[in-house]
C-alpha atoms as a PDB file:
ATOM      1  CA  MET A   1     118.545 106.348  79.912  1.00  0.00           C
ATOM      2  CA  LEU A   2     117.317 102.834  81.471  1.00  0.00           C
ATOM      3  CA  LYS A   3     116.655 102.513  85.172  1.00  0.00           C
ATOM      4  CA  VAL A   4     115.474  99.678  87.200  1.00  0.00           C
ATOM      5  CA  GLY A   5     112.439  99.704  89.157  1.00  0.00           C
ATOM      6  CA  ILE A   6     111.533  97.296  92.094  1.00  0.00           C
ATOM      7  CA  ASP A   7     107.938  96.909  93.783  1.00  0.00           C
ATOM      8  CA  ILE A   8     108.281  95.275  97.012  1.00  0.00           C
ATOM      9  CA  GLY A   9     105.020  93.474  98.158  1.00  0.00           C
ATOM     10  CA  GLY A  10     103.897  91.203 101.064  1.00  0.00           C
ATOM     11  CA  THR A  11     104.107  88.190  99.078  1.00  0.00           C
ATOM     12  CA  LYS A  12     106.490  89.068  96.161  1.00  0.00           C
ATOM     13  CA  ILE A  13     109.245  91.399  94.588  1.00  0.00           C
ATOM     14  CA  ALA A  14     108.786  92.539  91.068  1.00  0.00           C
ATOM     15  CA  GLY A  15     111.790  94.027  89.129  1.00  0.00           C
ATOM     16  CA  GLY A  16     112.152  95.433  85.947  1.00  0.00           C
ATOM     17  CA  VAL A  17     114.423  97.502  83.511  1.00  0.00           C
ATOM     18  CA  VAL A  18     112.444 100.500  82.277  1.00  0.00           C
ATOM     19  CA  ASP A  19     113.256 102.727  79.527  1.00  0.00           C
ATOM     20  CA  ALA A  20     112.659 106.436  79.257  1.00  0.00           C
ATOM     21  CA  GLU A  21     109.070 105.766  77.737  1.00  0.00           C
ATOM     22  CA  GLY A  22     108.064 103.422  80.521  1.00  0.00           C
ATOM     23  CA  ARG A  23     108.598 100.175  78.782  1.00  0.00           C
ATOM     24  CA  ILE A  24     109.713  97.276  80.659  1.00  0.00           C
ATOM     25  CA  LEU A  25     112.604  95.516  78.860  1.00  0.00           C
ATOM     26  CA  GLU A  26     113.270  92.731  81.317  1.00  0.00           C
ATOM     27  CA  LYS A  27     111.336  91.647  84.441  1.00  0.00           C
ATOM     28  CA  LEU A  28     111.949  89.393  87.321  1.00  0.00           C
ATOM     29  CA  ARG A  29     109.841  88.085  90.286  1.00  0.00           C
ATOM     30  CA  VAL A  30     110.832  86.263  93.476  1.00  0.00           C
ATOM     31  CA  GLU A  31     108.843  85.850  96.720  1.00  0.00           C
ATOM     32  CA  THR A  32     109.273  88.290  99.371  1.00  0.00           C
ATOM     33  CA  PRO A  33     111.612  86.849 102.329  1.00  0.00           C
ATOM     34  CA  THR A  34     109.930  87.345 105.761  1.00  0.00           C
ATOM     35  CA  ASP A  35     113.547  88.356 107.449  1.00  0.00           C
ATOM     36  CA  THR A  36     114.200  92.149 106.697  1.00  0.00           C
ATOM     37  CA  ARG A  37     117.925  91.283 105.839  1.00  0.00           C
ATOM     38  CA  ALA A  38     116.979  88.728 103.405  1.00  0.00           C
ATOM     39  CA  LEU A  39     114.589  90.775 101.842  1.00  0.00           C
ATOM     40  CA  THR A  40     117.306  93.819 101.345  1.00  0.00           C
ATOM     41  CA  VAL A  41     119.806  90.892  99.976  1.00  0.00           C
ATOM     42  CA  ALA A  42     117.170  89.711  97.558  1.00  0.00           C
ATOM     43  CA  VAL A  43     116.626  93.217  96.142  1.00  0.00           C
ATOM     44  CA  ILE A  44     120.346  93.764  95.963  1.00  0.00           C
ATOM     45  CA  ASP A  45     120.764  90.263  93.973  1.00  0.00           C
ATOM     46  CA  MET A  46     117.856  91.350  91.686  1.00  0.00           C
ATOM     47  CA  VAL A  47     119.311  94.646  90.831  1.00  0.00           C
ATOM     48  CA  ARG A  48     122.738  93.014  90.360  1.00  0.00           C
ATOM     49  CA  HIS A  49     121.269  90.380  88.069  1.00  0.00           C
ATOM     50  CA  LEU A  50     119.370  92.962  85.658  1.00  0.00           C
ATOM     51  CA  ALA A  51     122.216  95.474  85.623  1.00  0.00           C
ATOM     52  CA  ALA A  52     124.616  92.776  84.266  1.00  0.00           C
ATOM     53  CA  SER A  53     122.931  92.850  80.922  1.00  0.00           C
ATOM     54  CA  HIS A  54     121.773  96.645  80.786  1.00  0.00           C
ATOM     55  CA  ASP A  55     123.356  99.907  81.230  1.00  0.00           C
ATOM     56  CA  ILE A  56     121.578 101.360  84.254  1.00  0.00           C
ATOM     57  CA  ALA A  57     121.514 104.823  85.441  1.00  0.00           C
ATOM     58  CA  ALA A  58     119.637 104.708  88.935  1.00  0.00           C
ATOM     59  CA  VAL A  59     117.370 102.224  90.784  1.00  0.00           C
ATOM     60  CA  GLY A  60     113.864 102.956  92.270  1.00  0.00           C
ATOM     61  CA  VAL A  61     112.179 100.749  95.034  1.00  0.00           C
ATOM     62  CA  ALA A  62     108.582 101.171  95.724  1.00  0.00           C
ATOM     63  CA  ALA A  63     107.374  99.806  99.038  1.00  0.00           C
ATOM     64  CA  ALA A  64     104.154 100.245 101.128  1.00  0.00           C
ATOM     65  CA  GLY A  65     104.678 102.511 104.037  1.00  0.00           C
ATOM     66  CA  PHE A  66     105.534 106.075 104.969  1.00  0.00           C
ATOM     67  CA  VAL A  67     108.680 107.347 103.309  1.00  0.00           C
ATOM     68  CA  ASP A  68     110.490 110.354 104.268  1.00  0.00           C
ATOM     69  CA  LYS A  69     110.659 113.411 102.196  1.00  0.00           C
ATOM     70  CA  ALA A  70     114.226 112.681 101.179  1.00  0.00           C
ATOM     71  CA  ARG A  71     113.116 109.296  99.862  1.00  0.00           C
ATOM     72  CA  ALA A  72     115.706 107.521 101.900  1.00  0.00           C
ATOM     73  CA  VAL A  73     114.185 106.225 104.862  1.00  0.00           C
ATOM     74  CA  ILE A  74     111.008 103.848 105.487  1.00  0.00           C
ATOM     75  CA  ILE A  75     109.377 105.542 108.441  1.00  0.00           C
ATOM     76  CA  HIS A  76     106.759 102.831 109.095  1.00  0.00           C
ATOM     77  CA  ALA A  77     105.720  99.909 107.165  1.00  0.00           C
ATOM     78  CA  PRO A  78     102.315  97.777 107.827  1.00  0.00           C
ATOM     79  CA  ASN A  79     103.415  94.607 106.332  1.00  0.00           C
ATOM     80  CA  ILE A  80     107.193  94.319 106.890  1.00  0.00           C
ATOM     81  CA  ALA A  81     109.032  94.933 109.751  1.00  0.00           C
ATOM     82  CA  TRP A  82     110.452  98.095 109.163  1.00  0.00           C
ATOM     83  CA  ARG A  83     110.564 101.316 111.345  1.00  0.00           C
ATOM     84  CA  ASP A  84     112.796 104.098 110.612  1.00  0.00           C
ATOM     85  CA  GLU A  85     114.738 101.968 107.895  1.00  0.00           C
ATOM     86  CA  PRO A  86     117.647 103.432 106.171  1.00  0.00           C
ATOM     87  CA  LEU A  87     116.613 101.447 103.077  1.00  0.00           C
ATOM     88  CA  LYS A  88     118.354 103.502 100.433  1.00  0.00           C
ATOM     89  CA  ALA A  89     121.647 103.324 102.407  1.00  0.00           C
ATOM     90  CA  GLU A  90     121.405  99.710 103.028  1.00  0.00           C
ATOM     91  CA  LEU A  91     120.590  99.025  99.461  1.00  0.00           C
ATOM     92  CA  GLU A  92     123.519 101.377  97.890  1.00  0.00           C
ATOM     93  CA  ALA A  93     126.026  99.681 100.237  1.00  0.00           C
ATOM     94  CA  GLY A  94     125.666  96.592  98.046  1.00  0.00           C
ATOM     95  CA  ILE A  95     124.613  98.384  94.868  1.00  0.00           C
ATOM     96  CA  ASP A  96     126.765 100.355  92.448  1.00  0.00           C
ATOM     97  CA  GLN A  97     124.041 102.701  91.418  1.00  0.00           C
ATOM     98  CA  PRO A  98     122.034 105.625  93.417  1.00  0.00           C
ATOM     99  CA  VAL A  99     118.957 104.606  94.896  1.00  0.00           C
ATOM    100  CA  THR A 100     115.375 106.130  95.530  1.00  0.00           C
ATOM    101  CA  ILE A 101     112.873 104.867  98.009  1.00  0.00           C
ATOM    102  CA  ASP A 102     109.179 105.537  97.146  1.00  0.00           C
ATOM    103  CA  ASN A 103     105.701 104.507  98.582  1.00  0.00           C
ATOM    104  CA  ASP A 104     104.323 102.132  96.607  1.00  0.00           C
ATOM    105  CA  ALA A 105     100.667 103.769  95.711  1.00  0.00           C
ATOM    106  CA  ASN A 106     103.131 106.922  94.599  1.00  0.00           C
ATOM    107  CA  ALA A 107     104.868 105.127  92.261  1.00  0.00           C
ATOM    108  CA  ALA A 108     102.081 103.401  90.726  1.00  0.00           C
ATOM    109  CA  GLY A 109     100.223 106.669  90.530  1.00  0.00           C
ATOM    110  CA  TRP A 110     103.126 108.373  88.961  1.00  0.00           C
ATOM    111  CA  ALA A 111     103.227 105.550  86.272  1.00  0.00           C
ATOM    112  CA  GLU A 112      99.785 106.096  85.529  1.00  0.00           C
ATOM    113  CA  PHE A 113     100.399 109.716  85.035  1.00  0.00           C
ATOM    114  CA  ARG A 114     103.099 109.720  82.886  1.00  0.00           C
ATOM    115  CA  PHE A 115     102.246 106.755  80.800  1.00  0.00           C
ATOM    116  CA  GLY A 116      98.843 105.400  81.640  1.00  0.00           C
ATOM    117  CA  ALA A 117      95.357 106.579  82.288  1.00  0.00           C
ATOM    118  CA  GLY A 118      96.475 110.057  83.343  1.00  0.00           C
ATOM    119  CA  ARG A 119      98.863 110.912  80.563  1.00  0.00           C
ATOM    120  CA  HIS A 120      96.722 113.566  79.232  1.00  0.00           C
ATOM    121  CA  VAL A 121      95.924 115.617  82.152  1.00  0.00           C
ATOM    122  CA  ASP A 122      97.946 117.913  84.915  1.00  0.00           C
ATOM    123  CA  ASP A 123      95.741 116.997  87.982  1.00  0.00           C
ATOM    124  CA  MET A 124      94.790 113.523  89.165  1.00  0.00           C
ATOM    125  CA  VAL A 125      94.040 111.523  91.976  1.00  0.00           C
ATOM    126  CA  MET A 126      94.714 107.592  91.798  1.00  0.00           C
ATOM    127  CA  LEU A 127      93.093 105.025  94.180  1.00  0.00           C
ATOM    128  CA  THR A 128      94.130 101.637  94.298  1.00  0.00           C
ATOM    129  CA  MET A 129      91.596  98.983  95.646  1.00  0.00           C
ATOM    130  CA  GLY A 130      93.541  96.185  96.954  1.00  0.00           C
ATOM    131  CA  THR A 131      93.709  94.813 100.436  1.00  0.00           C
ATOM    132  CA  GLY A 132      93.697  98.240 101.526  1.00  0.00           C
ATOM    133  CA  VAL A 133      93.141 101.699  99.477  1.00  0.00           C
ATOM    134  CA  GLY A 134      96.299 103.313  98.403  1.00  0.00           C
ATOM    135  CA  GLY A 135      96.379 106.997  97.148  1.00  0.00           C
ATOM    136  CA  ALA A 136      98.483 109.162  95.016  1.00  0.00           C
ATOM    137  CA  VAL A 137      97.852 112.864  94.518  1.00  0.00           C
ATOM    138  CA  ILE A 138      99.148 114.780  91.131  1.00  0.00           C
ATOM    139  CA  ASN A 139      99.189 118.430  91.539  1.00  0.00           C
ATOM    140  CA  ASP A 140      99.969 120.670  88.385  1.00  0.00           C
ATOM    141  CA  GLY A 141     102.059 117.731  87.050  1.00  0.00           C
ATOM    142  CA  ARG A 142     104.124 117.187  90.082  1.00  0.00           C
ATOM    143  CA  LEU A 143     103.612 114.238  92.619  1.00  0.00           C
ATOM    144  CA  TYR A 144     102.435 115.813  95.895  1.00  0.00           C
ATOM    145  CA  ARG A 145     104.361 114.567  98.946  1.00  0.00           C
ATOM    146  CA  GLY A 146     103.371 117.113 101.571  1.00  0.00           C
ATOM    147  CA  GLY A 147     105.653 118.663 104.516  1.00  0.00           C
ATOM    148  CA  HIS A 148     106.945 114.963 105.865  1.00  0.00           C
ATOM    149  CA  GLY A 149     106.901 112.992 102.393  1.00  0.00           C
ATOM    150  CA  ILE A 150     103.916 111.228 103.423  1.00  0.00           C
ATOM    151  CA  ALA A 151     101.065 113.023 101.844  1.00  0.00           C
ATOM    152  CA  GLY A 152      98.521 111.093  99.720  1.00  0.00           C
ATOM    153  CA  GLU A 153      97.726 108.381 102.336  1.00  0.00           C
ATOM    154  CA  LEU A 154      93.791 108.740 100.996  1.00  0.00           C
ATOM    155  CA  GLY A 155      92.651 105.403 102.591  1.00  0.00           C
ATOM    156  CA  HIS A 156      93.342 106.590 105.572  1.00  0.00           C
ATOM    157  CA  ILE A 157      90.831 109.443 105.763  1.00  0.00           C
ATOM    158  CA  ARG A 158      88.263 108.930 108.506  1.00  0.00           C
ATOM    159  CA  PHE A 159      85.238 107.776 106.656  1.00  0.00           C
ATOM    160  CA  LEU A 160      83.001 106.715 109.434  1.00  0.00           C
ATOM    161  CA  ARG A 161      83.372 107.956 113.170  1.00  0.00           C
ATOM    162  CA  ASP A 162      83.967 105.177 115.604  1.00  0.00           C
ATOM    163  CA  GLY A 163      83.967 102.780 112.745  1.00  0.00           C
ATOM    164  CA  LEU A 164      85.684  99.570 111.984  1.00  0.00           C
ATOM    165  CA  PRO A 165      89.524  99.200 113.480  1.00  0.00           C
ATOM    166  CA  CYS A 166      92.268  99.935 110.991  1.00  0.00           C
ATOM    167  CA  GLY A 167      95.509  98.777 110.715  1.00  0.00           C
ATOM    168  CA  CYS A 168      96.813 101.844 111.018  1.00  0.00           C
ATOM    169  CA  GLY A 169      95.818 102.052 114.444  1.00  0.00           C
ATOM    170  CA  GLN A 170      92.840 104.367 113.839  1.00  0.00           C
ATOM    171  CA  ASN A 171      88.978 103.312 113.519  1.00  0.00           C
ATOM    172  CA  GLY A 172      86.468 104.052 110.530  1.00  0.00           C
ATOM    173  CA  CYS A 173      89.334 104.803 107.895  1.00  0.00           C
ATOM    174  CA  LEU A 174      88.125 104.442 104.080  1.00  0.00           C
ATOM    175  CA  GLU A 175      90.028 101.311 103.209  1.00  0.00           C
ATOM    176  CA  GLN A 176      87.829  99.420 105.666  1.00  0.00           C
ATOM    177  CA  TYR A 177      84.850 100.350 103.488  1.00  0.00           C
ATOM    178  CA  ALA A 178      86.207 100.739  99.990  1.00  0.00           C
ATOM    179  CA  SER A 179      88.940  97.903  99.656  1.00  0.00           C
ATOM    180  CA  GLY A 180      88.907  94.298  98.073  1.00  0.00           C
ATOM    181  CA  ARG A 181      88.891  93.243 101.792  1.00  0.00           C
ATOM    182  CA  ALA A 182      85.782  95.184 102.133  1.00  0.00           C
ATOM    183  CA  LEU A 183      83.902  93.732  99.358  1.00  0.00           C
ATOM    184  CA  GLN A 184      84.904  90.375 100.687  1.00  0.00           C
ATOM    185  CA  ARG A 185      83.282  91.559 104.140  1.00  0.00           C
ATOM    186  CA  GLU A 186      80.345  92.926 102.689  1.00  0.00           C
ATOM    187  CA  ALA A 187      79.795  89.615 100.213  1.00  0.00           C
ATOM    188  CA  ASN A 188      79.918  87.584 103.636  1.00  0.00           C
ATOM    189  CA  GLU A 189      77.539  89.830 105.386  1.00  0.00           C
ATOM    190  CA  ILE A 190      75.111  89.498 102.237  1.00  0.00           C
ATOM    191  CA  ALA A 191      75.514  85.483 102.085  1.00  0.00           C
ATOM    192  CA  ASP A 192      73.932  85.332 105.419  1.00  0.00           C
ATOM    193  CA  HIS A 193      70.493  86.358 103.881  1.00  0.00           C
ATOM    194  CA  ALA A 194      68.642  83.755 102.209  1.00  0.00           C
ATOM    195  CA  GLY A 195      67.630  84.981  98.580  1.00  0.00           C
ATOM    196  CA  LEU A 196      69.716  87.802  97.811  1.00  0.00           C
ATOM    197  CA  GLY A 197      72.720  85.974  99.249  1.00  0.00           C
ATOM    198  CA  ASP A 198      72.032  82.469  97.807  1.00  0.00           C
ATOM    199  CA  ALA A 199      74.854  82.329  95.398  1.00  0.00           C
ATOM    200  CA  LEU A 200      77.551  83.915  97.497  1.00  0.00           C
ATOM    201  CA  ALA A 201      76.379  81.351 100.415  1.00  0.00           C
ATOM    202  CA  ALA A 202      76.994  78.483  98.026  1.00  0.00           C
ATOM    203  CA  VAL A 203      80.544  79.780  96.900  1.00  0.00           C
ATOM    204  CA  ARG A 204      81.378  79.915 100.819  1.00  0.00           C
ATOM    205  CA  THR A 205      80.037  76.551 101.397  1.00  0.00           C
ATOM    206  CA  GLU A 206      81.981  74.905  98.676  1.00  0.00           C
ATOM    207  CA  LYS A 207      85.216  77.023  99.097  1.00  0.00           C
ATOM    208  CA  GLY A 208      85.166  77.708 102.649  1.00  0.00           C
ATOM    209  CA  LYS A 209      85.277  81.304 102.167  1.00  0.00           C
ATOM    210  CA  ILE A 210      84.250  83.934  99.685  1.00  0.00           C
ATOM    211  CA  SER A 211      87.380  85.487  97.637  1.00  0.00           C
ATOM    212  CA  GLY A 212      87.559  88.671  96.038  1.00  0.00           C
ATOM    213  CA  PRO A 213      88.035  87.082  92.467  1.00  0.00           C
ATOM    214  CA  ALA A 214      85.002  84.797  93.326  1.00  0.00           C
ATOM    215  CA  VAL A 215      82.708  87.904  93.987  1.00  0.00           C
ATOM    216  CA  SER A 216      83.796  89.443  90.955  1.00  0.00           C
ATOM    217  CA  ARG A 217      83.096  86.400  88.921  1.00  0.00           C
ATOM    218  CA  LEU A 218      79.330  86.693  90.429  1.00  0.00           C
ATOM    219  CA  VAL A 219      79.060  90.137  89.434  1.00  0.00           C
ATOM    220  CA  LEU A 220      80.052  89.455  85.872  1.00  0.00           C
ATOM    221  CA  ALA A 221      77.511  86.616  85.749  1.00  0.00           C
ATOM    222  CA  GLY A 222      74.677  89.150  87.114  1.00  0.00           C
ATOM    223  CA  ASP A 223      74.391  87.938  90.647  1.00  0.00           C
ATOM    224  CA  PRO A 224      72.303  90.562  92.734  1.00  0.00           C
ATOM    225  CA  GLY A 225      73.916  89.579  96.102  1.00  0.00           C
ATOM    226  CA  ALA A 226      77.670  89.880  94.303  1.00  0.00           C
ATOM    227  CA  ILE A 227      76.379  93.304  92.566  1.00  0.00           C
ATOM    228  CA  GLU A 228      74.790  94.652  95.850  1.00  0.00           C
ATOM    229  CA  ALA A 229      78.494  93.878  97.943  1.00  0.00           C
ATOM    230  CA  LEU A 230      80.082  95.759  94.979  1.00  0.00           C
ATOM    231  CA  ARG A 231      77.608  98.687  95.008  1.00  0.00           C
ATOM    232  CA  ARG A 232      78.247  99.228  98.825  1.00  0.00           C
ATOM    233  CA  VAL A 233      81.915  99.151  98.348  1.00  0.00           C
ATOM    234  CA  ALA A 234      82.035 101.680  95.199  1.00  0.00           C
ATOM    235  CA  THR A 235      79.632 103.956  97.082  1.00  0.00           C
ATOM    236  CA  ALA A 236      81.840 104.528  99.834  1.00  0.00           C
ATOM    237  CA  LEU A 237      84.552 105.146  97.402  1.00  0.00           C
ATOM    238  CA  GLY A 238      82.389 107.480  95.363  1.00  0.00           C
ATOM    239  CA  GLU A 239      81.431 109.211  98.570  1.00  0.00           C
ATOM    240  CA  ALA A 240      85.196 109.835  99.450  1.00  0.00           C
ATOM    241  CA  CYS A 241      86.093 111.014  95.934  1.00  0.00           C
ATOM    242  CA  GLY A 242      83.253 113.953  96.389  1.00  0.00           C
ATOM    243  CA  GLY A 243      85.005 115.012  99.490  1.00  0.00           C
ATOM    244  CA  PHE A 244      88.649 114.566  97.721  1.00  0.00           C
ATOM    245  CA  GLN A 245      87.161 117.046  94.913  1.00  0.00           C
ATOM    246  CA  ALA A 246      86.432 119.558  97.180  1.00  0.00           C
ATOM    247  CA  VAL A 247      90.103 119.350  98.669  1.00  0.00           C
ATOM    248  CA  LEU A 248      92.178 118.655  95.733  1.00  0.00           C
ATOM    249  CA  ASP A 249      89.966 119.702  92.537  1.00  0.00           C
ATOM    250  CA  PRO A 250      91.369 116.950  90.217  1.00  0.00           C
ATOM    251  CA  GLU A 251      90.627 116.616  86.602  1.00  0.00           C
ATOM    252  CA  LEU A 252      90.668 112.855  86.612  1.00  0.00           C
ATOM    253  CA  PHE A 253      90.468 109.983  89.198  1.00  0.00           C
ATOM    254  CA  VAL A 254      92.165 106.618  88.194  1.00  0.00           C
ATOM    255  CA  ILE A 255      91.164 103.684  90.268  1.00  0.00           C
ATOM    256  CA  GLY A 256      93.482 100.629  90.126  1.00  0.00           C
ATOM    257  CA  GLY A 257      93.798  97.358  92.098  1.00  0.00           C
ATOM    258  CA  GLY A 258      92.138  94.237  91.877  1.00  0.00           C
ATOM    259  CA  VAL A 259      88.480  95.299  92.024  1.00  0.00           C
ATOM    260  CA  ALA A 260      88.929  97.949  89.378  1.00  0.00           C
ATOM    261  CA  GLU A 261      89.192  94.984  87.017  1.00  0.00           C
ATOM    262  CA  LEU A 262      85.397  95.208  86.902  1.00  0.00           C
ATOM    263  CA  GLY A 263      85.507  98.197  84.925  1.00  0.00           C
ATOM    264  CA  ALA A 264      82.286  99.972  84.427  1.00  0.00           C
ATOM    265  CA  ASP A 265      80.502  97.513  86.799  1.00  0.00           C
ATOM    266  CA  LEU A 266      82.659  99.510  89.508  1.00  0.00           C
ATOM    267  CA  LEU A 267      82.684 102.529  88.065  1.00  0.00           C
ATOM    268  CA  ASP A 268      78.928 103.162  87.287  1.00  0.00           C
ATOM    269  CA  PRO A 269      78.114 103.114  91.145  1.00  0.00           C
ATOM    270  CA  VAL A 270      81.211 105.208  92.191  1.00  0.00           C
ATOM    271  CA  ARG A 271      80.321 107.968  89.548  1.00  0.00           C
ATOM    272  CA  LEU A 272      76.895 107.987  90.985  1.00  0.00           C
ATOM    273  CA  ALA A 273      77.892 108.410  94.590  1.00  0.00           C
ATOM    274  CA  TYR A 274      80.818 110.781  93.795  1.00  0.00           C
ATOM    275  CA  GLU A 275      77.947 113.213  92.240  1.00  0.00           C
ATOM    276  CA  THR A 276      75.619 113.037  94.922  1.00  0.00           C
ATOM    277  CA  SER A 277      78.317 113.899  97.413  1.00  0.00           C
ATOM    278  CA  LEU A 278      80.025 116.322  95.670  1.00  0.00           C
ATOM    279  CA  PRO A 279      79.768 120.282  96.976  1.00  0.00           C
ATOM    280  CA  GLY A 280      78.022 122.513  94.383  1.00  0.00           C
ATOM    281  CA  TYR A 281      76.949 119.676  91.928  1.00  0.00           C
ATOM    282  CA  GLY A 282      75.520 121.143  88.930  1.00  0.00           C
ATOM    283  CA  ASP A 283      77.235 124.430  89.160  1.00  0.00           C
ATOM    284  CA  ARG A 284      81.138 123.352  88.960  1.00  0.00           C
ATOM    285  CA  PRO A 285      83.125 120.990  86.673  1.00  0.00           C
ATOM    286  CA  VAL A 286      83.409 117.734  87.810  1.00  0.00           C
ATOM    287  CA  ALA A 287      86.214 115.090  87.315  1.00  0.00           C
ATOM    288  CA  GLN A 288      86.330 112.165  85.010  1.00  0.00           C
ATOM    289  CA  PHE A 289      86.753 108.633  86.372  1.00  0.00           C
ATOM    290  CA  ALA A 290      89.053 105.895  84.519  1.00  0.00           C
ATOM    291  CA  ILE A 291      90.628 102.434  85.022  1.00  0.00           C
ATOM    292  CA  ALA A 292      94.253 102.366  85.565  1.00  0.00           C
ATOM    293  CA  GLU A 293      95.930 101.129  82.436  1.00  0.00           C
ATOM    294  CA  LEU A 294      99.205  99.503  83.541  1.00  0.00           C
ATOM    295  CA  GLY A 295      97.973  96.893  85.919  1.00  0.00           C
ATOM    296  CA  ASN A 296     100.316  94.951  88.329  1.00  0.00           C
ATOM    297  CA  ASP A 297     103.370  96.671  86.328  1.00  0.00           C
ATOM    298  CA  ALA A 298     102.606 100.297  87.422  1.00  0.00           C
ATOM    299  CA  GLY A 299     104.489 100.206  90.838  1.00  0.00           C
ATOM    300  CA  LEU A 300     108.016  99.287  89.186  1.00  0.00           C
ATOM    301  CA  ILE A 301     107.267 101.587  86.288  1.00  0.00           C
ATOM    302  CA  GLY A 302     106.633 104.296  88.499  1.00  0.00           C
ATOM    303  CA  ALA A 303     109.543 103.527  90.805  1.00  0.00           C
ATOM    304  CA  ALA A 304     111.901 103.466  88.018  1.00  0.00           C
ATOM    305  CA  ASP A 305     110.600 106.688  86.349  1.00  0.00           C
ATOM    306  CA  LEU A 306     110.968 108.434  89.957  1.00  0.00           C
ATOM    307  CA  ALA A 307     114.557 106.999  90.389  1.00  0.00           C
ATOM    308  CA  VAL A 308     116.991 109.790  90.529  1.00  0.00           C
ATOM    309  CA  PRO A 309     120.283 109.118  88.702  1.00  0.00           C
ATOM    310  CA  ALA A 310     123.688 110.627  89.768  1.00  0.00           C
ATOM    311  CA  GLY A 311     123.926 114.198  89.403  1.00  0.00           C
ATOM    312  CA  GLY A 312     120.160 114.838  89.992  1.00  0.00           C
ATOM    313  CA  GLU A 313     116.947 114.392  87.830  1.00  0.00           C
END
């Protein structure tokens, strides 16, 4: 059975035809329109193009935001002007296929559970370290959605009381301390200190800013300032994972997003902070940690696999 998966991001829309084993048979990518109506039309056009040469059973769409339990309405989106947007109905009006809407982190987490780093476990938590921190919870082989459909927003756990303001309207959320954006902020702070921050300061002087990839390059080159910036961010994530373990007790944490490309340089300090934050450490089973395997394709693969064809699953 073939399905179309669509992953709507703030800057691009990625779409693909995905088979039952999670393989992408054809893939497209376009820029994300700023106008919401134009965005809807762009998704419809993408699905029509993909369906023209494939026998499609359903369409799954992943987007950042709160999605209702029926997987039909986007209640709130941080980067697109959607509020109580009936996206399923709008897309189905232009597509002769059943459409399922899902949160982008849920879709990515489901893809890793089904076809990636989590395929050998039943209970898994995925955390994506991008602009923010996305989360997905797999419990006993099922994606946990909660009473209203919007569970798993792990990046918005309050990590620090009276902490940094977050785009969600609260203060001190985890994503302000454990995201790619947080890594850049820490790198800039360290760049202000002579000695430790010399290499980071040189990048800022040359480029006008310190980007995430620039920090990553310096980490891989062994620069102590960049390594310290990464340690701070990884420590925040690991401490949070100790709390998530107490509540969710996963077998595995899968870490995705751009920062995860650093592999062991990220996971080693994450594990250390996790162990020192874990209630009952030494007397209880601990989770494993792994880097996500599917990269930028996880969202569209998961959206496709979660799509519900006519007549049910």
